C-alpha atoms as a PDB file:
ATOM      1  CA  MET A   1       8.259-101.358 -74.903  1.00  0.00           C
ATOM      2  CA  GLN A   2      10.936-101.145 -72.236  1.00  0.00           C
ATOM      3  CA  LYS A   3      13.705-103.695 -72.437  1.00  0.00           C
ATOM      4  CA  ARG A   4      14.349-105.718 -69.282  1.00  0.00           C
ATOM      5  CA  GLY A   5      16.680-108.518 -68.417  1.00  0.00           C
ATOM      6  CA  LEU A   6      15.707-112.073 -69.238  1.00  0.00           C
ATOM      7  CA  VAL A   7      15.270-114.972 -66.880  1.00  0.00           C
ATOM      8  CA  ILE A   8      17.114-117.755 -68.715  1.00  0.00           C
ATOM      9  CA  LEU A   9      16.843-121.463 -68.014  1.00  0.00           C
ATOM     10  CA  LEU A  10      19.898-123.294 -69.340  1.00  0.00           C
ATOM     11  CA  LEU A  11      19.909-127.070 -69.827  1.00  0.00           C
ATOM     12  CA  GLU A  12      23.564-128.136 -69.903  1.00  0.00           C
ATOM     13  CA  ASN A  13      25.196-131.206 -68.368  1.00  0.00           C
ATOM     14  CA  GLN A  14      28.859-130.522 -69.221  1.00  0.00           C
ATOM     15  CA  GLU A  15      30.482-128.503 -66.435  1.00  0.00           C
ATOM     16  CA  HIS A  16      33.127-126.969 -68.732  1.00  0.00           C
ATOM     17  CA  ASP A  17      30.427-125.849 -71.216  1.00  0.00           C
ATOM     18  CA  LEU A  18      28.376-124.463 -68.337  1.00  0.00           C
ATOM     19  CA  LEU A  19      31.367-122.464 -67.102  1.00  0.00           C
ATOM     20  CA  PHE A  20      32.084-121.259 -70.666  1.00  0.00           C
ATOM     21  CA  LEU A  21      28.446-120.130 -71.016  1.00  0.00           C
ATOM     22  CA  ARG A  22      28.325-118.468 -67.577  1.00  0.00           C
ATOM     23  CA  CYS A  23      31.497-116.483 -68.375  1.00  0.00           C
ATOM     24  CA  ALA A  24      30.060-115.377 -71.721  1.00  0.00           C
ATOM     25  CA  ILE A  25      26.738-114.336 -70.179  1.00  0.00           C
ATOM     26  CA  ALA A  26      28.571-112.341 -67.500  1.00  0.00           C
ATOM     27  CA  LYS A  27      30.241-110.315 -70.283  1.00  0.00           C
ATOM     28  CA  ILE A  28      26.922-109.353 -71.856  1.00  0.00           C
ATOM     29  CA  ASN A  29      25.586-106.010 -70.738  1.00  0.00           C
ATOM     30  CA  GLY A  30      22.166-106.686 -69.288  1.00  0.00           C
ATOM     31  CA  CYS A  31      20.431-107.768 -66.154  1.00  0.00           C
ATOM     32  CA  HIS A  32      19.918-111.344 -67.247  1.00  0.00           C
ATOM     33  CA  GLN A  33      19.372-114.028 -64.606  1.00  0.00           C
ATOM     34  CA  LEU A  34      20.755-117.466 -65.410  1.00  0.00           C
ATOM     35  CA  HIS A  35      19.417-120.644 -63.843  1.00  0.00           C
ATOM     36  CA  SER A  36      20.867-123.959 -64.944  1.00  0.00           C
ATOM     37  CA  VAL A  37      19.866-127.599 -64.784  1.00  0.00           C
ATOM     38  CA  HIS A  38      21.678-130.694 -66.033  1.00  0.00           C
ATOM     39  CA  ASN A  39      19.017-132.288 -68.252  1.00  0.00           C
ATOM     40  CA  GLY A  40      15.441-132.162 -69.508  1.00  0.00           C
ATOM     41  CA  GLU A  41      14.084-134.008 -66.507  1.00  0.00           C
ATOM     42  CA  GLU A  42      15.477-131.370 -64.128  1.00  0.00           C
ATOM     43  CA  ALA A  43      14.115-128.649 -66.429  1.00  0.00           C
ATOM     44  CA  ILE A  44      10.619-130.101 -66.091  1.00  0.00           C
ATOM     45  CA  HIS A  45      10.972-130.101 -62.294  1.00  0.00           C
ATOM     46  CA  TYR A  46      12.152-126.478 -62.504  1.00  0.00           C
ATOM     47  CA  LEU A  47       9.192-125.418 -64.647  1.00  0.00           C
ATOM     48  CA  LEU A  48       6.675-127.287 -62.497  1.00  0.00           C
ATOM     49  CA  GLY A  49       8.211-125.985 -59.263  1.00  0.00           C
ATOM     50  CA  LYS A  50       8.942-129.467 -57.941  1.00  0.00           C
ATOM     51  CA  ARG A  51      11.732-130.968 -55.846  1.00  0.00           C
ATOM     52  CA  GLU A  52      14.402-128.363 -55.075  1.00  0.00           C
ATOM     53  CA  PHE A  53      12.696-125.759 -57.315  1.00  0.00           C
ATOM     54  CA  THR A  54       9.591-125.058 -55.180  1.00  0.00           C
ATOM     55  CA  LYS A  55      10.507-121.472 -54.253  1.00  0.00           C
ATOM     56  CA  ARG A  56       9.384-119.375 -57.241  1.00  0.00           C
ATOM     57  CA  HIS A  57      11.117-116.236 -55.950  1.00  0.00           C
ATOM     58  CA  GLN A  58      14.396-118.184 -56.035  1.00  0.00           C
ATOM     59  CA  PHE A  59      13.600-120.082 -59.269  1.00  0.00           C
ATOM     60  CA  PRO A  60      11.430-117.733 -61.370  1.00  0.00           C
ATOM     61  CA  LEU A  61       9.738-118.890 -64.524  1.00  0.00           C
ATOM     62  CA  PRO A  62      12.021-118.351 -67.509  1.00  0.00           C
ATOM     63  CA  ASP A  63      11.534-115.929 -70.369  1.00  0.00           C
ATOM     64  CA  LEU A  64      13.879-118.019 -72.504  1.00  0.00           C
ATOM     65  CA  ILE A  65      15.126-121.604 -72.459  1.00  0.00           C
ATOM     66  CA  LEU A  66      18.512-122.616 -73.910  1.00  0.00           C
ATOM     67  CA  THR A  67      18.958-126.355 -74.206  1.00  0.00           C
ATOM     68  CA  ASP A  68      21.812-128.581 -75.198  1.00  0.00           C
ATOM     69  CA  LEU A  69      21.049-131.583 -77.391  1.00  0.00           C
ATOM     70  CA  ASN A  70      22.956-134.429 -75.741  1.00  0.00           C
ATOM     71  CA  MET A  71      22.256-134.864 -72.026  1.00  0.00           C
ATOM     72  CA  PRO A  72      21.631-137.851 -69.763  1.00  0.00           C
ATOM     73  CA  LEU A  73      18.158-138.945 -68.556  1.00  0.00           C
ATOM     74  CA  MET A  74      16.266-136.646 -70.927  1.00  0.00           C
ATOM     75  CA  ASP A  75      18.028-135.019 -73.860  1.00  0.00           C
ATOM     76  CA  GLY A  76      17.172-131.758 -75.576  1.00  0.00           C
ATOM     77  CA  LEU A  77      14.917-133.335 -78.210  1.00  0.00           C
ATOM     78  CA  GLU A  78      12.950-135.258 -75.578  1.00  0.00           C
ATOM     79  CA  PHE A  79      12.572-132.030 -73.620  1.00  0.00           C
ATOM     80  CA  LEU A  80      11.295-130.252 -76.753  1.00  0.00           C
ATOM     81  CA  ARG A  81       8.785-133.075 -77.280  1.00  0.00           C
ATOM     82  CA  TRP A  82       7.523-132.683 -73.695  1.00  0.00           C
ATOM     83  CA  ARG A  83       7.382-128.892 -74.057  1.00  0.00           C
ATOM     84  CA  ARG A  84       5.452-129.079 -77.335  1.00  0.00           C
ATOM     85  CA  ASN A  85       2.815-131.251 -75.655  1.00  0.00           C
ATOM     86  CA  SER A  86       2.517-128.936 -72.640  1.00  0.00           C
ATOM     87  CA  PRO A  87       0.529-125.839 -73.677  1.00  0.00           C
ATOM     88  CA  ARG A  88       1.571-123.831 -70.611  1.00  0.00           C
ATOM     89  CA  TRP A  89       5.281-124.253 -71.433  1.00  0.00           C
ATOM     90  CA  SER A  90       5.177-124.396 -75.232  1.00  0.00           C
ATOM     91  CA  VAL A  91       4.955-120.584 -75.397  1.00  0.00           C
ATOM     92  CA  ILE A  92       8.359-120.056 -73.760  1.00  0.00           C
ATOM     93  CA  PRO A  93      10.891-119.409 -76.530  1.00  0.00           C
ATOM     94  CA  THR A  94      13.299-122.331 -76.602  1.00  0.00           C
ATOM     95  CA  ILE A  95      16.639-122.296 -78.363  1.00  0.00           C
ATOM     96  CA  MET A  96      18.626-125.439 -79.147  1.00  0.00           C
ATOM     97  CA  PHE A  97      22.257-124.625 -78.410  1.00  0.00           C
ATOM     98  CA  SER A  98      24.337-127.648 -79.264  1.00  0.00           C
ATOM     99  CA  GLY A  99      27.762-128.836 -80.284  1.00  0.00           C
ATOM    100  CA  SER A 100      26.032-130.806 -83.039  1.00  0.00           C
ATOM    101  CA  GLY A 101      24.904-129.061 -86.176  1.00  0.00           C
ATOM    102  CA  LEU A 102      23.900-132.246 -87.993  1.00  0.00           C
ATOM    103  CA  PRO A 103      21.043-131.538 -90.426  1.00  0.00           C
ATOM    104  CA  ARG A 104      18.893-134.333 -88.927  1.00  0.00           C
ATOM    105  CA  ASP A 105      19.272-132.803 -85.436  1.00  0.00           C
ATOM    106  CA  VAL A 106      18.442-129.316 -86.692  1.00  0.00           C
ATOM    107  CA  ARG A 107      15.399-130.609 -88.603  1.00  0.00           C
ATOM    108  CA  GLU A 108      14.084-132.605 -85.658  1.00  0.00           C
ATOM    109  CA  ALA A 109      14.573-129.711 -83.231  1.00  0.00           C
ATOM    110  CA  TYR A 110      12.529-127.417 -85.468  1.00  0.00           C
ATOM    111  CA  GLN A 111       9.882-130.107 -85.981  1.00  0.00           C
ATOM    112  CA  LEU A 112       9.575-130.365 -82.198  1.00  0.00           C
ATOM    113  CA  GLY A 113       9.067-126.621 -81.811  1.00  0.00           C
ATOM    114  CA  ALA A 114      12.503-125.110 -81.217  1.00  0.00           C
ATOM    115  CA  ASN A 115      12.444-121.401 -82.001  1.00  0.00           C
ATOM    116  CA  SER A 116      16.076-121.451 -83.179  1.00  0.00           C
ATOM    117  CA  PHE A 117      19.043-123.786 -83.433  1.00  0.00           C
ATOM    118  CA  PHE A 118      22.613-122.601 -82.895  1.00  0.00           C
ATOM    119  CA  THR A 119      25.830-124.585 -82.959  1.00  0.00           C
ATOM    120  CA  LYS A 120      27.972-123.661 -79.956  1.00  0.00           C
ATOM    121  CA  PRO A 121      30.836-121.420 -81.056  1.00  0.00           C
ATOM    122  CA  SER A 122      34.324-122.692 -80.292  1.00  0.00           C
ATOM    123  CA  ASN A 123      35.722-119.457 -78.873  1.00  0.00           C
ATOM    124  CA  GLN A 124      34.614-117.059 -76.164  1.00  0.00           C
ATOM    125  CA  ALA A 125      34.322-113.969 -78.376  1.00  0.00           C
ATOM    126  CA  GLU A 126      31.960-115.713 -80.820  1.00  0.00           C
ATOM    127  CA  LEU A 127      29.971-117.174 -77.935  1.00  0.00           C
ATOM    128  CA  VAL A 128      29.511-113.736 -76.354  1.00  0.00           C
ATOM    129  CA  GLN A 129      28.443-112.275 -79.709  1.00  0.00           C
ATOM    130  CA  THR A 130      25.980-115.106 -80.405  1.00  0.00           C
ATOM    131  CA  LEU A 131      24.420-115.003 -76.935  1.00  0.00           C
ATOM    132  CA  HIS A 132      24.244-111.213 -77.046  1.00  0.00           C
ATOM    133  CA  SER A 133      22.294-111.392 -80.321  1.00  0.00           C
ATOM    134  CA  ILE A 134      19.937-114.047 -78.961  1.00  0.00           C
ATOM    135  CA  PHE A 135      19.304-112.226 -75.679  1.00  0.00           C
ATOM    136  CA  ASP A 136      18.932-108.816 -77.313  1.00  0.00           C
ATOM    137  CA  TYR A 137      16.336-110.170 -79.729  1.00  0.00           C
ATOM    138  CA  TRP A 138      14.283-111.979 -77.077  1.00  0.00           C
ATOM    139  CA  ALA A 139      14.558-109.121 -74.576  1.00  0.00           C
ATOM    140  CA  LYS A 140      12.918-106.854 -77.160  1.00  0.00           C
ATOM    141  CA  ALA A 141      10.304-109.377 -78.294  1.00  0.00           C
ATOM    142  CA  ALA A 142       6.844-109.422 -76.718  1.00  0.00           C
ATOM    143  CA  ARG A 143       6.610-112.124 -74.061  1.00  0.00           C
ATOM    144  CA  VAL A 144       3.740-114.027 -72.503  1.00  0.00           C
END
């Protein structure tokens, strides 16, 4: 199977975290495309191709979803709940990527169908290494 770049949908509402993540992803060797939204509600619009996300060539369906836990309007757990109940979208690998590593949050994320849960590293080098591992794994995995 030939490895290709991933289309990644990132749910992150904190601009400094978004910048931190964008810089880390830029350092990873690969042809990954990053599309970001600020919360679960915007992610649903993205997936459904609604509002500003109607042009699929500009906003392609993701191969991988990275979601923060704490966001306004619809947080990461609420998004996972929606995703779990939506058969078309429940097959997209979804990783919880949060500043919180509380056991109750980890447990609930897995109960709601998260494929993995990572606590955001505090430095750029660790972040690059973690994202590289995640992307490398999912780029090699069979996808729907």
